Amino acid sequence: MAKQKDNPNYKVIAENRRARYDYAIEDDIECGIMLMGSEVKSLRTGQSNIAESYASVENGELWLTNAYIAPYEPAKTWGHEARRRRKLLVNKRELSKLWQATGRQGMTLVPLVMYFNHKGLVKLKLGIAKGKKAADKRATESKRDWARQKQRLLKQGS
């Protein structure tokens, strides 16, 4: 991960911070996205949101639904629809793994981060997740609070 942050082309476009709170992320997978030219230009200006989006496997293809990419003003004539479904690109083995996780194991596909990789291509990190109940969320929060408190105590003891 340190290599990506040192690279000048690597840039986070949109992040779904709420996903780690609402879901227990079991695994993640990197996939490409089929985009129009005006969508890529809009992403370069940083106008997108993946907080309310999700992915699903339909008819042997992986789709991203409800992701927002703002319309690019100079491309009014040949612009794009802001919340259209976008096809995600993964290989067959990864697609079958995702299909099994959602169909058989009851998992959810949650977008975690959209970013430009070191080559300047738009990538999406999908999390294979299981939804948390309210008690699980409280337990996670109490663990986080205890870890913070331990760090404070260790700092004071030094």
Protein backbone atom coordinates (compact mmCIF):
# COMPACT_ATOMS: atom_id res chain seq x y z
CA MET A 1 0.00 0.00 0.00
CA ALA A 2 2.92 2.35 0.66
CA LYS A 3 3.97 2.05 -2.99
CA GLN A 4 0.56 3.25 -4.19
CA LYS A 5 0.62 6.33 -1.97
CA ASP A 6 4.09 7.31 -3.20
CA ASN A 7 2.94 7.04 -6.82
CA PRO A 8 1.84 10.40 -8.29
CA ASN A 9 -0.96 8.79 -10.35
CA TYR A 10 -2.63 7.06 -7.36
CA LYS A 11 -5.56 9.13 -6.14
CA VAL A 12 -8.63 8.22 -4.07
CA ILE A 13 -11.78 9.50 -5.78
CA ALA A 14 -14.51 8.37 -3.38
CA GLU A 15 -14.55 6.36 -0.16
CA ASN A 16 -17.42 4.63 1.61
CA ARG A 17 -16.46 5.16 5.27
CA ARG A 18 -19.81 3.96 6.57
CA ALA A 19 -19.30 0.49 5.05
CA ARG A 20 -16.87 -0.68 7.74
CA TYR A 21 -19.32 0.47 10.42
CA ASP A 22 -22.41 -1.18 8.92
CA TYR A 23 -20.77 -4.36 7.59
CA ALA A 24 -18.21 -6.93 8.71
CA ILE A 25 -15.86 -7.05 5.71
CA GLU A 26 -14.71 -10.65 5.10
CA ASP A 27 -12.69 -10.13 1.92
CA ASP A 28 -12.12 -7.50 -0.74
CA ILE A 29 -11.53 -7.58 -4.47
CA GLU A 30 -10.32 -5.00 -6.98
CA CYS A 31 -12.30 -4.57 -10.17
CA GLY A 32 -12.41 -2.24 -13.15
CA ILE A 33 -15.39 -0.15 -14.25
CA MET A 34 -16.77 0.49 -17.73
CA LEU A 35 -17.10 4.28 -17.97
CA MET A 36 -17.88 6.89 -20.62
CA GLY A 37 -15.37 9.65 -21.37
CA SER A 38 -17.39 12.36 -19.64
CA GLU A 39 -17.58 10.17 -16.50
CA VAL A 40 -13.79 9.85 -16.33
CA LYS A 41 -13.37 13.62 -16.73
CA SER A 42 -15.91 14.21 -13.98
CA LEU A 43 -14.05 11.75 -11.72
CA ARG A 44 -10.78 13.61 -12.34
CA THR A 45 -12.44 16.68 -10.79
CA GLY A 46 -13.45 14.50 -7.81
CA GLN A 47 -17.23 14.71 -8.12
CA SER A 48 -18.57 11.30 -7.11
CA ASN A 49 -20.20 9.39 -4.27
CA ILE A 50 -20.37 5.63 -3.63
CA ALA A 51 -21.88 5.77 -0.13
CA GLU A 52 -25.35 4.58 -1.16
CA SER A 53 -24.27 2.20 -3.90
CA TYR A 54 -24.04 -1.59 -4.03
CA ALA A 55 -22.93 -4.30 -6.44
CA SER A 56 -24.79 -7.38 -7.62
CA VAL A 57 -24.27 -10.36 -9.90
CA GLU A 58 -26.99 -10.54 -12.57
CA ASN A 59 -27.05 -12.84 -15.62
CA GLY A 60 -23.37 -13.73 -15.25
CA GLU A 61 -22.25 -10.08 -15.05
CA LEU A 62 -21.27 -7.82 -12.16
CA TRP A 63 -23.07 -4.45 -11.91
CA LEU A 64 -22.58 -1.36 -9.76
CA THR A 65 -25.92 0.28 -8.93
CA ASN A 66 -26.71 3.76 -7.59
CA ALA A 67 -23.16 5.16 -7.71
CA TYR A 68 -23.22 8.91 -8.32
CA ILE A 69 -20.86 10.52 -10.82
CA ALA A 70 -21.70 14.18 -11.39
CA PRO A 71 -22.46 15.30 -14.96
CA TYR A 72 -19.48 16.92 -16.69
CA GLU A 73 -20.60 20.42 -17.73
CA PRO A 74 -18.47 20.85 -20.90
CA ALA A 75 -19.93 17.56 -22.25
CA LYS A 76 -23.56 18.69 -22.27
CA THR A 77 -24.42 17.21 -25.65
CA TRP A 78 -22.84 13.77 -25.14
CA GLY A 79 -22.95 13.68 -21.35
CA HIS A 80 -23.90 10.77 -19.11
CA GLU A 81 -26.65 9.88 -16.68
CA ALA A 82 -25.47 10.53 -13.09
CA ARG A 83 -26.82 7.35 -11.40
CA ARG A 84 -26.81 4.81 -14.23
CA ARG A 85 -25.83 1.17 -13.68
CA ARG A 86 -22.20 0.53 -14.53
CA LYS A 87 -20.66 -2.79 -15.46
CA LEU A 88 -17.78 -3.97 -13.26
CA LEU A 89 -14.93 -5.93 -14.81
CA VAL A 90 -13.61 -9.07 -13.06
CA ASN A 91 -12.34 -12.40 -14.33
CA LYS A 92 -14.50 -15.54 -14.37
CA ARG A 93 -12.98 -17.06 -11.23
CA GLU A 94 -13.58 -13.90 -9.20
CA LEU A 95 -17.12 -13.59 -10.61
CA SER A 96 -18.00 -17.14 -9.55
CA LYS A 97 -16.54 -16.45 -6.09
CA LEU A 98 -18.74 -13.35 -5.77
CA TRP A 99 -21.81 -15.18 -7.06
CA GLN A 100 -21.32 -17.98 -4.50
CA ALA A 101 -20.77 -15.49 -1.68
CA THR A 102 -23.97 -13.58 -2.42
CA GLY A 103 -26.17 -16.50 -3.43
CA ARG A 104 -25.20 -19.27 -1.04
CA GLN A 105 -23.61 -17.55 1.93
CA GLY A 106 -25.91 -14.50 2.11
CA MET A 107 -23.12 -11.95 1.78
CA THR A 108 -23.40 -8.42 0.35
CA LEU A 109 -21.11 -6.71 -2.16
CA VAL A 110 -20.25 -3.26 -0.81
CA PRO A 111 -18.09 -0.69 -2.66
CA LEU A 112 -15.32 0.48 -0.32
CA VAL A 113 -13.06 2.79 -2.35
CA MET A 114 -13.00 4.18 -5.90
CA TYR A 115 -9.57 5.33 -7.03
CA PHE A 116 -7.17 5.92 -9.89
CA ASN A 117 -4.46 3.23 -9.84
CA HIS A 118 -0.79 3.73 -10.70
CA LYS A 119 -1.59 3.54 -14.45
CA GLY A 120 -4.30 6.20 -14.14
CA LEU A 121 -7.21 3.74 -14.58
CA VAL A 122 -10.34 3.93 -12.44
CA LYS A 123 -10.63 0.95 -10.09
CA LEU A 124 -13.19 -0.01 -7.44
CA LYS A 125 -12.45 -2.03 -4.33
CA LEU A 126 -15.46 -4.22 -3.51
CA GLY A 127 -15.90 -5.71 -0.08
CA ILE A 128 -17.56 -9.09 0.43
CA ALA A 129 -19.41 -8.36 3.65
CA LYS A 130 -21.97 -9.57 6.12
CA GLY A 131 -24.35 -7.03 7.67
CA LYS A 132 -23.84 -6.14 11.33
CA LYS A 133 -26.66 -6.04 13.85
CA ALA A 134 -26.95 -3.19 16.38
CA ALA A 135 -25.23 -5.24 19.11
CA ASP A 136 -22.29 -5.97 16.79
CA LYS A 137 -21.93 -2.26 16.03
CA ARG A 138 -21.88 -1.43 19.75
CA ALA A 139 -19.26 -4.12 20.39
CA THR A 140 -17.04 -2.77 17.63
CA GLU A 141 -17.42 0.75 19.00
CA SER A 142 -16.54 -0.34 22.55
CA LYS A 143 -13.43 -2.17 21.26
CA ARG A 144 -12.34 0.95 19.42
CA ASP A 145 -12.90 3.09 22.53
CA TRP A 146 -10.92 0.67 24.70
CA ALA A 147 -8.04 0.67 22.21
CA ARG A 148 -7.98 4.49 22.29
CA GLN A 149 -8.04 4.47 26.08
CA LYS A 150 -5.15 1.97 26.22
CA GLN A 151 -3.09 4.18 23.93
CA ARG A 152 -3.74 7.18 26.18
CA LEU A 153 -2.74 5.20 29.28
CA LEU A 154 0.44 3.97 27.61
CA LYS A 155 1.33 7.54 26.55
CA GLN A 156 0.82 8.83 30.09
CA GLY A 157 2.90 6.00 31.57
CA SER A 158 5.92 6.81 29.35
